[in-house]
Amino acid sequence: MKLVSRQTISDELANCLLPGPVTLMFERLPCLPAEFNPGVVNVACRVPDCPIVSTICKKLGQPLAQTSANVSGSSLNPTSIDHFRDLHPNIDLILDAGSIISSGEGSTIVDLTVESGFRIVRSGCAEKETMQKLKSFGLTKIQ
């Protein structure tokens, strides 16, 4: 995260939240190419608890930059390759590692662009646990 964003939380808290069903949003650093989400001032970082993603990142020796698994604003959390049909024309590569066992609810998205505070952008599947962890590290919920 530190490579691409102004991280406002401790590494200890980041390690407590990730990997898992949580997406952390920070202010993006100027080192990110302008073509990567042009006009967007923040960047969202997620480390899924997914063996295939972990293996790919370890083999590459770096994180992956990728789009969301769904169309922005969609409540559907894709759990099989068939759920990506709307995105197929825009996708260069799809790795099918089989169905994901999931509630179908997306990750909890947390805005951490404000020092010592957080805002839940999307409730997702881990809101309660995520808020408890954030508060236990002294962060305050902001509206």
Protein backbone atom coordinates (compact mmCIF):
# COMPACT_ATOMS: atom_id res chain seq x y z
CA MET A 1 0.00 0.00 0.00
CA LYS A 2 2.85 2.35 0.80
CA LEU A 3 4.04 2.06 -2.81
CA VAL A 4 0.88 3.66 -4.19
CA SER A 5 -0.83 5.51 -1.34
CA ARG A 6 -0.40 7.79 1.65
CA GLN A 7 -1.01 5.16 4.33
CA THR A 8 -2.72 6.69 7.36
CA ILE A 9 -2.79 3.55 9.52
CA SER A 10 -0.07 1.53 11.19
CA ASP A 11 1.33 -1.59 9.57
CA GLU A 12 0.03 -3.46 12.62
CA LEU A 13 -3.56 -2.40 11.88
CA ALA A 14 -3.15 -3.08 8.16
CA ASN A 15 -1.92 -6.59 8.99
CA CYS A 16 -4.88 -7.06 11.33
CA LEU A 17 -7.34 -6.21 8.52
CA LEU A 18 -5.60 -7.89 5.59
CA PRO A 19 -5.74 -10.37 4.01
CA GLY A 20 -9.49 -10.49 4.20
CA PRO A 21 -12.79 -9.17 2.85
CA VAL A 22 -11.84 -5.52 3.39
CA THR A 23 -10.84 -2.82 0.89
CA LEU A 24 -8.84 0.11 2.28
CA MET A 25 -9.02 3.48 0.53
CA PHE A 26 -6.16 5.98 0.79
CA GLU A 27 -5.00 9.11 -1.01
CA ARG A 28 -3.07 7.99 -4.08
CA LEU A 29 0.56 8.96 -4.58
CA PRO A 30 1.72 10.88 -7.68
CA CYS A 31 3.87 7.89 -8.71
CA LEU A 32 0.76 6.10 -10.00
CA PRO A 33 0.45 6.62 -13.76
CA ALA A 34 -2.19 9.18 -14.75
CA GLU A 35 -3.86 6.49 -16.90
CA PHE A 36 -4.59 4.45 -13.79
CA ASN A 37 -8.08 5.70 -12.88
CA PRO A 38 -7.66 9.20 -14.37
CA GLY A 39 -9.11 12.01 -12.28
CA VAL A 40 -9.47 9.83 -9.18
CA VAL A 41 -7.60 11.13 -6.12
CA ASN A 42 -7.83 7.96 -4.03
CA VAL A 43 -6.73 4.38 -4.51
CA ALA A 44 -8.35 1.30 -2.97
CA CYS A 45 -6.13 -1.53 -1.75
CA ARG A 46 -7.33 -5.07 -1.14
CA VAL A 47 -5.51 -8.23 -0.20
CA PRO A 48 -7.99 -11.07 -0.60
CA ASP A 49 -7.56 -14.23 1.41
CA CYS A 50 -7.21 -16.17 -1.84
CA PRO A 51 -4.42 -18.69 -2.45
CA ILE A 52 -4.22 -18.12 -6.23
CA VAL A 53 -3.85 -14.33 -5.84
CA SER A 54 -1.21 -14.79 -3.13
CA THR A 55 0.72 -17.23 -5.32
CA ILE A 56 0.66 -14.91 -8.34
CA CYS A 57 1.87 -11.94 -6.28
CA LYS A 58 4.65 -14.01 -4.70
CA LYS A 59 5.79 -15.30 -8.11
CA LEU A 60 5.76 -11.77 -9.55
CA GLY A 61 7.38 -10.30 -6.46
CA GLN A 62 4.92 -7.42 -6.41
CA PRO A 63 1.23 -6.60 -5.96
CA LEU A 64 -1.27 -6.61 -8.82
CA ALA A 65 -3.09 -3.54 -10.06
CA GLN A 66 -6.54 -4.54 -11.19
CA THR A 67 -10.06 -3.29 -11.55
CA SER A 68 -12.89 -4.06 -9.20
CA ALA A 69 -14.57 -7.43 -9.62
CA ASN A 70 -17.83 -5.72 -10.49
CA VAL A 71 -19.16 -2.67 -12.27
CA SER A 72 -18.87 0.39 -10.01
CA GLY A 73 -21.98 0.75 -7.87
CA SER A 74 -23.07 -2.86 -8.39
CA SER A 75 -24.05 -4.84 -5.32
CA LEU A 76 -23.26 -8.18 -6.98
CA ASN A 77 -20.06 -9.79 -5.77
CA PRO A 78 -19.04 -12.15 -8.58
CA THR A 79 -18.50 -15.70 -7.39
CA SER A 80 -18.13 -17.46 -10.76
CA ILE A 81 -16.82 -16.65 -14.22
CA ASP A 82 -20.39 -16.30 -15.54
CA HIS A 83 -20.90 -13.23 -13.34
CA PHE A 84 -18.28 -11.33 -15.37
CA ARG A 85 -20.21 -11.38 -18.66
CA ASP A 86 -20.86 -7.60 -18.60
CA LEU A 87 -17.13 -6.95 -18.17
CA HIS A 88 -15.81 -9.51 -20.73
CA PRO A 89 -15.34 -6.96 -23.56
CA ASN A 90 -13.04 -4.89 -21.31
CA ILE A 91 -11.01 -7.68 -19.72
CA ASP A 92 -7.62 -8.74 -21.08
CA LEU A 93 -7.27 -11.86 -18.93
CA ILE A 94 -9.55 -14.00 -16.79
CA LEU A 95 -8.17 -16.71 -14.52
CA ASP A 96 -10.86 -19.19 -13.58
CA ALA A 97 -9.91 -20.82 -10.29
CA GLY A 98 -13.39 -22.27 -9.83
CA SER A 99 -16.35 -20.98 -7.88
CA ILE A 100 -15.78 -18.87 -4.82
CA ILE A 101 -17.81 -19.84 -1.79
CA SER A 102 -19.23 -16.54 -0.66
CA SER A 103 -22.34 -14.88 0.64
CA GLY A 104 -22.33 -12.86 -2.59
CA GLU A 105 -21.82 -9.70 -0.54
CA GLY A 106 -18.83 -7.58 -1.56
CA SER A 107 -15.91 -6.54 0.59
CA THR A 108 -16.30 -3.83 3.20
CA ILE A 109 -14.80 -0.61 1.78
CA VAL A 110 -13.24 1.78 4.29
CA ASP A 111 -12.13 5.34 3.49
CA LEU A 112 -8.94 6.00 5.47
CA THR A 113 -7.94 9.25 3.77
CA VAL A 114 -8.40 11.20 7.01
CA GLU A 115 -5.75 10.75 9.72
CA SER A 116 -7.16 8.96 12.83
CA GLY A 117 -10.60 8.56 11.27
CA PHE A 118 -12.52 6.22 9.00
CA ARG A 119 -15.70 6.21 6.95
CA ILE A 120 -17.51 3.10 5.73
CA VAL A 121 -18.03 3.53 1.98
CA ARG A 122 -19.71 0.13 1.51
CA SER A 123 -20.94 -2.05 4.36
CA GLY A 124 -20.02 -5.30 2.67
CA CYS A 125 -19.60 -8.61 4.44
CA ALA A 126 -17.25 -7.57 7.27
CA GLU A 127 -18.47 -4.17 8.48
CA LYS A 128 -18.95 -5.02 12.16
CA GLU A 129 -15.60 -6.82 12.57
CA THR A 130 -13.77 -4.13 10.60
CA MET A 131 -15.22 -1.29 12.68
CA GLN A 132 -14.28 -3.11 15.90
CA LYS A 133 -10.67 -3.48 14.73
CA LEU A 134 -10.44 0.15 13.57
CA LYS A 135 -11.85 1.44 16.86
CA SER A 136 -9.55 -0.83 18.89
CA PHE A 137 -6.63 0.99 17.22
CA GLY A 138 -8.08 4.37 18.23
CA LEU A 139 -9.68 5.41 14.94
CA THR A 140 -12.95 7.36 15.04
CA LYS A 141 -15.89 6.83 12.72
CA ILE A 142 -16.64 9.96 10.67
CA GLN A 143 -19.72 10.69 8.59
